Protein backbone atom coordinates (compact mmCIF):
# COMPACT_ATOMS: atom_id res chain seq x y z
CA MET A 1 23.16 3.42 -12.56
CA HIS A 2 24.14 1.81 -9.48
CA ASN A 3 22.77 4.52 -7.48
CA LEU A 4 19.56 4.73 -9.37
CA LEU A 5 18.97 1.00 -8.41
CA LYS A 6 20.06 1.67 -4.83
CA ASN A 7 17.58 4.49 -4.62
CA ILE A 8 14.81 2.56 -6.32
CA ARG A 9 15.35 -0.27 -3.82
CA PHE A 10 15.49 2.16 -0.92
CA GLY A 11 12.07 3.71 -2.05
CA ILE A 12 10.40 0.44 -2.59
CA ASN A 13 11.56 -0.82 0.82
CA SER A 14 10.55 2.42 2.69
CA THR A 15 7.10 2.66 4.47
CA VAL A 16 5.70 5.10 1.75
CA GLY A 17 6.99 2.91 -0.88
CA LYS A 18 5.24 -0.21 0.41
CA ASN A 19 2.06 2.04 0.95
CA ILE A 20 2.24 3.09 -2.58
CA ILE A 21 2.36 -0.59 -3.95
CA SER A 22 -0.27 -1.57 -1.74
CA LEU A 23 -2.58 1.17 -2.87
CA TYR A 24 -1.70 0.38 -6.50
CA LEU A 25 -3.03 -2.97 -5.67
CA LEU A 26 -6.19 -1.27 -4.39
CA GLN A 27 -6.71 0.63 -7.48
CA ILE A 28 -6.83 -2.95 -9.29
CA SER A 29 -9.89 -3.62 -7.25
CA TYR A 30 -11.41 -0.23 -7.55
CA TYR A 31 -10.83 0.23 -11.50
CA VAL A 32 -9.13 -2.56 -13.27
CA LEU A 33 -11.57 -5.27 -12.12
CA PRO A 34 -14.69 -3.22 -12.74
CA LEU A 35 -13.05 -2.58 -16.46
CA ILE A 36 -12.89 -6.40 -17.05
CA THR A 37 -16.57 -6.71 -16.20
CA VAL A 38 -17.72 -3.41 -18.07
CA PRO A 39 -17.37 -4.92 -21.65
CA TYR A 40 -19.42 -7.77 -20.48
CA LEU A 41 -22.21 -5.65 -18.67
CA VAL A 42 -22.55 -3.35 -21.27
CA ARG A 43 -23.51 -5.90 -23.94
CA VAL A 44 -25.51 -7.92 -21.45
CA LEU A 45 -27.41 -5.20 -19.73
CA GLY A 46 -27.78 -3.08 -22.82
CA PRO A 47 -27.22 0.83 -22.49
CA GLU A 48 -30.81 1.27 -20.77
CA LYS A 49 -30.30 -1.10 -18.06
CA PHE A 50 -26.45 -0.35 -17.59
CA GLY A 51 -27.48 3.34 -17.50
CA LEU A 52 -30.22 2.69 -14.98
CA VAL A 53 -27.87 1.11 -12.44
CA ALA A 54 -25.32 3.85 -12.90
CA PHE A 55 -28.09 6.36 -12.42
CA GLY A 56 -28.82 4.53 -9.10
CA GLN A 57 -25.19 4.47 -8.10
CA SER A 58 -24.84 8.14 -8.78
CA LEU A 59 -27.66 8.84 -6.17
CA ILE A 60 -26.50 6.42 -3.67
CA THR A 61 -22.97 8.04 -3.90
CA PHE A 62 -24.50 11.09 -2.33
CA PHE A 63 -25.43 9.19 0.67
CA VAL A 64 -22.00 7.43 0.84
CA LEU A 65 -20.65 10.86 0.98
CA ILE A 66 -22.97 11.82 3.81
CA VAL A 67 -21.71 8.58 5.73
CA ASN A 68 -18.11 9.21 4.96
CA TYR A 69 -18.23 12.87 5.88
CA GLY A 70 -14.73 14.28 5.97
CA PHE A 71 -13.23 11.39 7.92
CA ASP A 72 -11.21 10.08 5.04
CA LEU A 73 -9.23 13.41 5.51
CA THR A 74 -9.67 14.83 8.97
CA ALA A 75 -9.72 11.24 10.81
CA THR A 76 -6.57 10.28 8.73
CA ARG A 77 -4.85 13.43 9.61
CA GLU A 78 -5.54 13.08 13.38
CA ILE A 79 -4.77 9.45 13.63
CA SER A 80 -1.36 10.03 11.76
CA VAL A 81 -0.16 12.51 14.21
CA LYS A 82 -1.50 10.64 17.43
CA ARG A 83 -0.84 7.02 16.23
CA ARG A 84 1.59 6.21 18.83
CA SER A 85 -1.30 6.04 21.48
CA ASN A 86 -3.52 3.01 20.96
CA GLU A 87 -6.07 4.24 23.51
CA VAL A 88 -6.40 7.69 21.69
CA VAL A 89 -6.45 6.06 18.23
CA SER A 90 -9.22 3.59 19.69
CA GLY A 91 -11.22 6.63 21.01
CA ILE A 92 -11.16 8.34 17.53
CA ALA A 93 -12.02 4.98 15.91
CA CYS A 94 -14.97 4.54 17.94
CA SER A 95 -16.23 8.06 17.73
CA VAL A 96 -15.93 8.11 14.06
CA TRP A 97 -17.86 4.74 13.69
CA SER A 98 -20.66 5.93 15.90
CA ALA A 99 -20.89 9.23 13.94
CA LYS A 100 -21.05 7.35 10.66
CA THR A 101 -24.04 5.32 12.13
CA ILE A 102 -25.91 8.37 12.97
CA LEU A 103 -25.16 9.80 9.43
CA CYS A 104 -26.07 6.42 7.69
CA SER A 105 -29.43 6.44 9.67
CA PHE A 106 -30.17 9.90 8.58
CA GLY A 107 -29.28 9.01 4.88
CA LEU A 108 -31.52 6.06 5.01
CA VAL A 109 -34.49 8.27 6.09
CA VAL A 110 -33.83 10.74 3.44
CA LEU A 111 -33.81 7.81 0.83
CA LEU A 112 -37.13 6.63 1.95
CA LEU A 113 -38.69 9.91 1.95
CA THR A 114 -37.29 10.46 -1.57
CA ILE A 115 -38.53 7.18 -2.83
CA LEU A 116 -41.91 8.14 -1.48
CA PHE A 117 -42.29 11.56 -2.86
CA VAL A 118 -40.29 11.54 -6.11
CA PRO A 119 -42.07 9.39 -8.91
CA LYS A 120 -38.80 8.57 -10.79
CA MET A 121 -37.26 7.20 -7.61
CA SER A 122 -40.36 5.22 -6.55
CA GLN A 123 -40.36 3.42 -10.15
CA ASN A 124 -36.83 2.23 -9.10
CA SER A 125 -37.35 1.98 -5.33
CA LEU A 126 -35.97 -1.68 -5.05
CA LEU A 127 -32.92 -0.92 -6.99
CA LEU A 128 -32.07 1.93 -4.70
CA LEU A 129 -32.70 0.08 -1.58
CA ILE A 130 -30.20 -2.66 -2.76
CA LEU A 131 -27.73 -0.14 -3.68
CA PHE A 132 -28.03 1.49 -0.33
CA GLY A 133 -25.86 -1.50 0.85
CA ILE A 134 -22.69 0.38 -0.62
CA ALA A 135 -23.46 3.17 2.13
CA ILE A 136 -23.63 0.68 4.92
CA GLY A 137 -20.32 -0.87 3.81
CA ASN A 138 -18.80 2.47 3.82
CA LEU A 139 -19.99 3.01 7.29
CA LEU A 140 -18.14 -0.17 8.52
CA PHE A 141 -15.04 0.06 6.41
CA PRO A 142 -12.13 2.03 8.30
CA ASN A 143 -10.29 3.48 5.44
CA TRP A 144 -9.45 6.49 7.51
CA LEU A 145 -7.96 4.17 10.20
CA PHE A 146 -5.57 2.29 7.77
CA LEU A 147 -4.43 5.24 6.24
CA GLY A 148 -3.71 7.04 9.30
CA LEU A 149 -1.71 4.25 10.68
CA GLU A 150 -0.10 3.69 7.23
CA ARG A 151 -1.46 0.11 6.92
CA MET A 152 -2.51 0.16 3.34
CA LYS A 153 -1.73 -3.41 2.70
CA ALA A 154 -4.87 -4.39 4.76
CA ILE A 155 -6.90 -2.13 2.63
CA SER A 156 -5.68 -3.71 -0.57
CA VAL A 157 -6.05 -7.35 0.55
CA ILE A 158 -9.71 -6.83 1.76
CA ASN A 159 -10.84 -4.89 -1.18
CA LEU A 160 -9.01 -7.07 -3.67
CA SER A 161 -10.52 -10.15 -2.40
CA MET A 162 -13.99 -8.96 -2.31
CA ARG A 163 -14.05 -7.21 -5.43
CA SER A 164 -12.50 -10.59 -7.17
CA VAL A 165 -15.51 -12.49 -5.85
CA THR A 166 -17.84 -9.70 -7.29
CA THR A 167 -16.17 -10.06 -10.57
CA ALA A 168 -16.57 -13.71 -10.69
CA GLY A 169 -20.17 -13.40 -9.59
CA VAL A 170 -21.04 -10.87 -12.54
CA PHE A 171 -19.93 -13.41 -15.19
CA ILE A 172 -21.62 -16.38 -13.34
CA LEU A 173 -25.10 -14.44 -12.25
CA ILE A 174 -25.70 -11.82 -14.97
CA ARG A 175 -27.12 -13.33 -17.94
CA ASN A 176 -29.79 -10.76 -19.45
CA PRO A 177 -31.07 -7.26 -19.03
CA ASP A 178 -33.53 -8.29 -16.29
CA ASP A 179 -30.50 -9.37 -14.06
CA TYR A 180 -29.70 -5.71 -13.38
CA LEU A 181 -31.00 -6.01 -9.75
CA ILE A 182 -28.50 -9.09 -9.16
CA TYR A 183 -25.75 -6.77 -10.45
CA ALA A 184 -26.83 -4.15 -8.01
CA GLY A 185 -26.91 -6.67 -5.08
CA LEU A 186 -23.27 -7.57 -6.04
CA LEU A 187 -22.10 -4.17 -5.75
CA SER A 188 -23.68 -3.77 -2.23
CA PHE A 189 -22.32 -7.34 -1.19
CA GLN A 190 -18.62 -6.27 -2.09
CA TRP A 191 -18.93 -3.31 0.15
CA ILE A 192 -20.70 -4.66 3.12
CA PHE A 193 -18.45 -7.66 3.51
CA ALA A 194 -15.28 -5.68 2.83
CA GLY A 195 -16.57 -3.40 5.75
CA ILE A 196 -17.07 -6.33 8.16
CA ALA A 197 -13.54 -7.63 7.30
CA GLY A 198 -12.15 -4.21 7.71
CA VAL A 199 -13.80 -3.88 11.42
CA VAL A 200 -12.63 -7.49 12.39
CA PHE A 201 -8.91 -6.61 11.32
CA ALA A 202 -9.18 -3.30 13.01
CA ILE A 203 -10.09 -5.02 16.30
CA VAL A 204 -7.96 -8.21 16.19
CA ARG A 205 -4.74 -7.08 14.33
CA LEU A 206 -4.54 -3.24 14.91
CA LYS A 207 -5.79 -4.03 18.55
CA ILE A 208 -8.77 -1.29 18.35
CA ARG A 209 -10.77 -1.35 21.54
CA ILE A 210 -14.37 -0.89 21.15
CA LYS A 211 -16.10 1.52 23.62
CA VAL A 212 -19.10 3.81 23.76
CA PRO A 213 -18.02 7.18 23.06
CA SER A 214 -19.88 10.21 24.71
CA LEU A 215 -21.76 12.62 23.01
CA SER A 216 -19.20 15.27 22.91
CA GLN A 217 -16.61 13.08 21.42
CA ILE A 218 -19.10 12.29 18.50
CA PHE A 219 -19.61 15.88 18.06
CA GLU A 220 -15.92 16.61 18.14
CA VAL A 221 -15.31 14.45 15.23
CA LEU A 222 -18.18 15.77 13.29
CA SER A 223 -17.24 19.19 13.84
CA ASN A 224 -13.61 18.69 12.77
CA GLY A 225 -14.98 17.00 9.64
CA TRP A 226 -17.56 19.57 8.91
CA THR A 227 -15.90 21.74 6.35
CA LEU A 228 -14.56 18.85 4.51
CA PHE A 229 -17.88 17.27 4.35
CA LEU A 230 -19.20 20.18 2.62
CA SER A 231 -16.37 20.13 0.06
CA ASN A 232 -16.87 16.19 -0.47
CA ILE A 233 -20.72 16.87 -1.03
CA ALA A 234 -19.88 19.68 -3.49
CA GLN A 235 -17.17 17.47 -5.30
CA SER A 236 -19.78 14.55 -5.66
CA ILE A 237 -21.91 16.88 -7.75
CA TYR A 238 -19.06 17.26 -10.42
CA TYR A 239 -17.85 13.75 -10.20
CA SER A 240 -20.22 11.05 -9.06
CA GLY A 241 -23.40 13.04 -9.68
CA ASN A 242 -23.06 13.41 -13.37
CA SER A 243 -25.15 10.26 -14.29
CA PHE A 244 -27.80 11.45 -11.95
CA ILE A 245 -27.92 14.89 -13.38
CA LEU A 246 -28.03 13.41 -16.98
CA GLY A 247 -30.53 10.90 -15.92
CA MET A 248 -32.86 13.66 -14.73
CA LEU A 249 -32.59 15.78 -17.82
CA THR A 250 -32.36 13.00 -20.53
CA ASN A 251 -33.02 9.25 -20.25
CA TYR A 252 -31.28 6.05 -19.06
CA THR A 253 -29.86 5.20 -22.53
CA ALA A 254 -27.80 8.67 -22.49
CA VAL A 255 -26.61 7.75 -19.02
CA GLY A 256 -25.43 4.32 -20.25
CA TYR A 257 -23.42 5.83 -23.05
CA TYR A 258 -21.98 8.64 -20.65
CA SER A 259 -21.40 6.53 -17.65
CA ALA A 260 -19.69 3.76 -19.65
CA ALA A 261 -17.12 6.36 -21.11
CA GLU A 262 -16.95 8.01 -17.75
CA LYS A 263 -15.67 4.64 -15.95
CA ILE A 264 -13.03 4.27 -18.47
CA ALA A 265 -11.85 8.06 -18.02
CA LEU A 266 -12.04 7.54 -14.30
CA SER A 267 -10.04 4.19 -14.16
CA LEU A 268 -7.01 6.22 -15.37
CA LEU A 269 -6.97 8.30 -12.19
CA GLY A 270 -5.91 4.95 -10.51
CA LEU A 271 -2.49 5.85 -12.37
CA PHE A 272 -1.58 8.27 -9.64
CA ARG A 273 -4.17 8.46 -6.71
CA PRO A 274 -2.34 5.77 -4.77
CA MET A 275 0.81 7.93 -4.61
CA ALA A 276 -1.16 10.91 -3.39
CA GLN A 277 -3.18 8.77 -0.80
CA ALA A 278 0.13 7.00 0.42
CA VAL A 279 1.93 10.19 1.02
CA TYR A 280 -0.83 12.20 2.51
CA PRO A 281 -0.24 11.23 6.00
CA ARG A 282 3.53 11.88 5.55
CA PHE A 283 2.95 15.34 4.29
CA SER A 284 0.63 16.07 7.16
CA ARG A 285 3.46 15.33 9.64
CA MET A 286 5.79 17.39 7.62
CA ALA A 287 3.78 20.40 7.45
CA SER A 288 3.53 20.59 11.26
CA SER A 289 7.38 21.11 11.26
CA SER A 290 8.88 21.99 8.09
CA LYS A 291 7.20 24.13 5.35
CA ASN A 292 10.17 23.80 3.20
CA SER A 293 9.88 19.93 3.32
CA VAL A 294 6.29 20.07 1.90
CA LEU A 295 7.17 22.16 -0.76
CA PHE A 296 10.34 20.36 -1.74
CA TRP A 297 8.55 16.93 -2.03
CA GLY A 298 5.39 18.58 -3.52
CA LYS A 299 7.48 19.86 -6.47
CA ARG A 300 8.75 16.42 -7.36
CA LEU A 301 5.32 14.84 -6.76
CA ILE A 302 3.65 17.43 -9.08
CA PHE A 303 6.23 16.59 -11.87
CA VAL A 304 5.56 12.75 -11.53
CA MET A 305 1.87 12.77 -11.15
CA GLY A 306 1.35 15.53 -13.85
CA GLY A 307 3.68 13.50 -16.24
CA LEU A 308 1.48 10.41 -15.76
CA GLY A 309 -1.61 12.35 -16.30
CA PHE A 310 -0.49 14.07 -19.38
CA VAL A 311 0.68 10.78 -20.95
CA ALA A 312 -2.83 9.17 -20.22
CA ALA A 313 -4.41 12.08 -21.64
CA ILE A 314 -2.84 11.95 -24.86
CA THR A 315 -3.21 8.24 -25.13
CA VAL A 316 -6.99 8.35 -24.27
CA PHE A 317 -7.68 11.14 -26.75
CA LEU A 318 -5.94 9.42 -29.62
CA GLY A 319 -7.05 6.08 -28.87
CA ALA A 320 -10.66 6.77 -27.82
CA PRO A 321 -12.08 5.13 -30.98
CA LEU A 322 -10.43 2.00 -30.59
CA ILE A 323 -10.81 1.85 -26.78
CA VAL A 324 -14.59 2.18 -27.15
CA ARG A 325 -14.87 -0.45 -29.94
CA ILE A 326 -12.84 -2.94 -27.87
CA VAL A 327 -14.17 -2.23 -24.34
CA LEU A 328 -17.88 -1.28 -24.99
CA GLY A 329 -18.25 -2.83 -28.25
CA PRO A 330 -20.83 -2.12 -31.24
CA GLY A 331 -23.56 0.07 -30.47
CA TYR A 332 -21.54 2.49 -28.26
CA GLU A 333 -20.13 4.79 -30.73
CA PRO A 334 -21.86 7.90 -29.02
CA SER A 335 -19.36 7.36 -26.11
CA ILE A 336 -16.40 8.04 -28.24
CA ILE A 337 -16.82 11.87 -28.03
CA VAL A 338 -17.33 11.42 -24.29
CA LEU A 339 -14.04 9.71 -23.74
CA GLN A 340 -12.14 12.11 -25.78
CA ILE A 341 -13.36 15.12 -23.82
CA LEU A 342 -12.77 13.22 -20.53
CA SER A 343 -9.31 12.29 -21.70
CA LEU A 344 -8.09 15.80 -20.15
CA LEU A 345 -9.53 14.61 -16.55
CA PRO A 346 -6.27 12.70 -15.75
CA PHE A 347 -4.01 15.51 -16.14
CA LEU A 348 -6.01 18.05 -14.62
CA ALA A 349 -7.06 16.00 -11.55
CA ALA A 350 -3.26 14.86 -11.13
CA LEU A 351 -2.27 18.46 -10.58
CA SER A 352 -5.19 19.37 -8.60
CA ASP A 353 -4.74 16.48 -6.21
CA VAL A 354 -1.06 17.25 -5.45
CA LEU A 355 -2.00 21.25 -4.78
CA SER A 356 -5.05 20.31 -2.73
CA ILE A 357 -4.30 17.06 -0.81
CA GLN A 358 -0.68 17.46 -0.30
CA ILE A 359 -0.16 20.93 0.09
CA MET A 360 -3.71 22.93 0.96
CA LEU A 361 -4.85 20.37 3.63
CA PRO A 362 -1.72 19.50 5.51
CA PHE A 363 -1.58 23.32 5.91
CA SER A 364 -4.94 23.20 7.47
CA LYS A 365 -6.41 25.45 4.85
CA ASP A 366 -9.66 23.45 5.06
CA ARG A 367 -12.02 26.14 4.60
CA PHE A 368 -10.58 27.35 1.30
CA TYR A 369 -10.44 23.83 0.08
CA THR A 370 -14.08 23.63 0.74
CA LEU A 371 -14.80 27.12 -0.54
CA ILE A 372 -13.31 26.23 -3.89
CA ARG A 373 -15.32 22.95 -4.29
CA VAL A 374 -18.56 24.57 -3.18
CA PHE A 375 -18.20 27.36 -5.61
CA THR A 376 -17.15 24.83 -8.47
CA ALA A 377 -20.25 22.50 -7.56
CA SER A 378 -22.61 25.56 -7.99
CA LEU A 379 -21.42 26.47 -11.30
CA HIS A 380 -21.07 22.81 -12.47
CA VAL A 381 -24.94 22.60 -11.91
CA VAL A 382 -25.46 25.87 -13.96
CA ILE A 383 -23.13 24.81 -16.73
CA ALA A 384 -24.82 21.37 -17.11
CA LEU A 385 -28.23 22.88 -17.25
CA LEU A 386 -26.87 25.17 -20.11
CA LEU A 387 -24.85 22.53 -21.97
CA ILE A 388 -26.81 19.16 -21.67
CA PRO A 389 -30.17 20.40 -23.58
CA ARG A 390 -27.93 21.63 -26.36
CA PHE A 391 -25.00 18.92 -26.47
CA ASN A 392 -26.74 16.09 -24.43
CA ILE A 393 -23.63 13.54 -23.28
CA ALA A 394 -20.84 15.79 -24.71
CA GLY A 395 -22.35 18.90 -22.97
CA MET A 396 -22.09 16.85 -19.56
CA ALA A 397 -18.51 15.64 -20.37
CA SER A 398 -17.68 19.21 -21.14
CA THR A 399 -19.00 20.45 -17.83
CA LEU A 400 -17.01 18.21 -15.93
CA ILE A 401 -13.72 19.23 -17.63
CA ILE A 402 -14.68 22.90 -17.04
CA SER A 403 -15.27 22.32 -13.46
CA GLN A 404 -12.15 20.49 -13.08
CA THR A 405 -10.06 23.23 -14.59
CA LEU A 406 -11.73 25.62 -12.38
CA ILE A 407 -10.55 23.78 -9.24
CA LEU A 408 -6.98 23.66 -10.43
CA ALA A 409 -6.78 27.25 -11.25
CA SER A 410 -8.68 28.33 -8.06
CA THR A 411 -6.36 26.29 -6.00
CA PHE A 412 -2.92 27.52 -7.60
CA MET A 413 -4.37 31.00 -7.07
CA PHE A 414 -5.07 30.78 -3.41
CA LEU A 415 -1.35 28.89 -2.80
CA SER A 416 0.18 31.45 -4.83
CA HIS A 417 -1.25 34.16 -2.45
CA TRP A 418 0.08 32.26 0.52
CA LYS A 419 3.53 31.51 -1.15
CA LEU A 420 2.71 27.89 -0.82
CA THR A 421 3.06 26.48 -4.36
CA PRO A 422 5.81 23.87 -4.97
CA PHE A 423 7.69 26.39 -7.09
CA HIS A 424 8.00 28.74 -4.17
CA HIS A 425 10.50 26.17 -2.68
CA GLU A 426 13.18 27.51 -4.84
CA ALA A 427 13.08 30.81 -2.74
CA ASP A 428 13.76 28.91 0.43
CA GLU A 429 16.73 27.14 1.87
CA LYS A 430 17.49 24.04 -0.24
CA MET A 431 16.92 20.66 1.43
CA PRO A 432 20.00 18.93 2.62
CA THR A 433 20.57 15.31 1.52
CA SER A 434 20.45 14.05 5.18
CA THR A 435 17.02 15.65 5.62
CA VAL A 436 15.67 14.08 2.42
CA LYS A 437 16.66 10.63 3.26
CA SER A 438 15.11 10.85 6.89
CA ARG A 439 11.88 12.14 5.34
CA THR A 440 11.41 9.00 3.05
């Protein structure tokens, strides 16, 4: 018992432990605070207006992914390796910001053209332009910098502060369905001001020196993130794009029922994703020197995260009727079946994240990571087109689960071929105790 408590204290006081705690606080801002507002919003805005905003957010997410490119993984990985040189880190940061500015400008032009030529978009042009502030906030906020330098506390404090203000604003300003544009403005507000605060923190506290990068430096960071950019775009189709696909094939009320349940299901990913994000830079460094270390810790991580995901899945499936009744209220009964289907998501995503983020990417298998997601995204659209006309919102939920299962199976298949699954560690030399401690 004494040794257990000693190990727990050691883990909490380690850099990784502190980063995990900070990122769990971040998940409160990403998932718990929105869940506080969802019961109020679905009742005040109603399924149609709530679904309309969800439809707009789903479209804007594509532009956010264009802006973020693959930097949250490639820039994080590069900064984690070169973190000891402030000059190099500053150069990477300025190159990434410049590249994101170009990408954001391109995204805005595409959005304007979409509004101009697509009737369904032009009818909601003001909503989409307001929500584009989310993309601008993502341009500014240096998530990749904080992750690479393992300064997760800064991310947590900034985001939690801004989202707390937004949460208060929802209850103060949103009074009826016609206030859906105000709600969209609050969503953009939290991202833009978080982005500004992040830039200021990077310059003042992290001593990032602002300088104009050369075109070759900008091209280099774009080139490094190209394959992961494709994977992010593909991944957005089967995660963030579902409300958009559903809205194009059905109506905003159906989107409201689906997106309300999806928000609850996705909030459960916050149970384990902080752990995955916090250890990613450490796994990236370990992969450069020891395959055995990565597999050793990967095996432990997969049991922890898989266990959390399994418990979450069972809890949500059994409790879906009660959860919907309490969180969403009367009139959202169609959301129950969606939530029950999506209850598998935490378990599948937990296993997939360990195999993909902690093992495949640190070993620089970026192309295969992208191939899996592009292939899955293509099938996702086809399956959605087949299932939604017949099963409506349940068809959309089933499509997401099928896609996530394909990702997990494909990732495991590739890693098995390379003998890089966590279970291949047994064939290698055991990790000595001293090595374990030094890696923590």
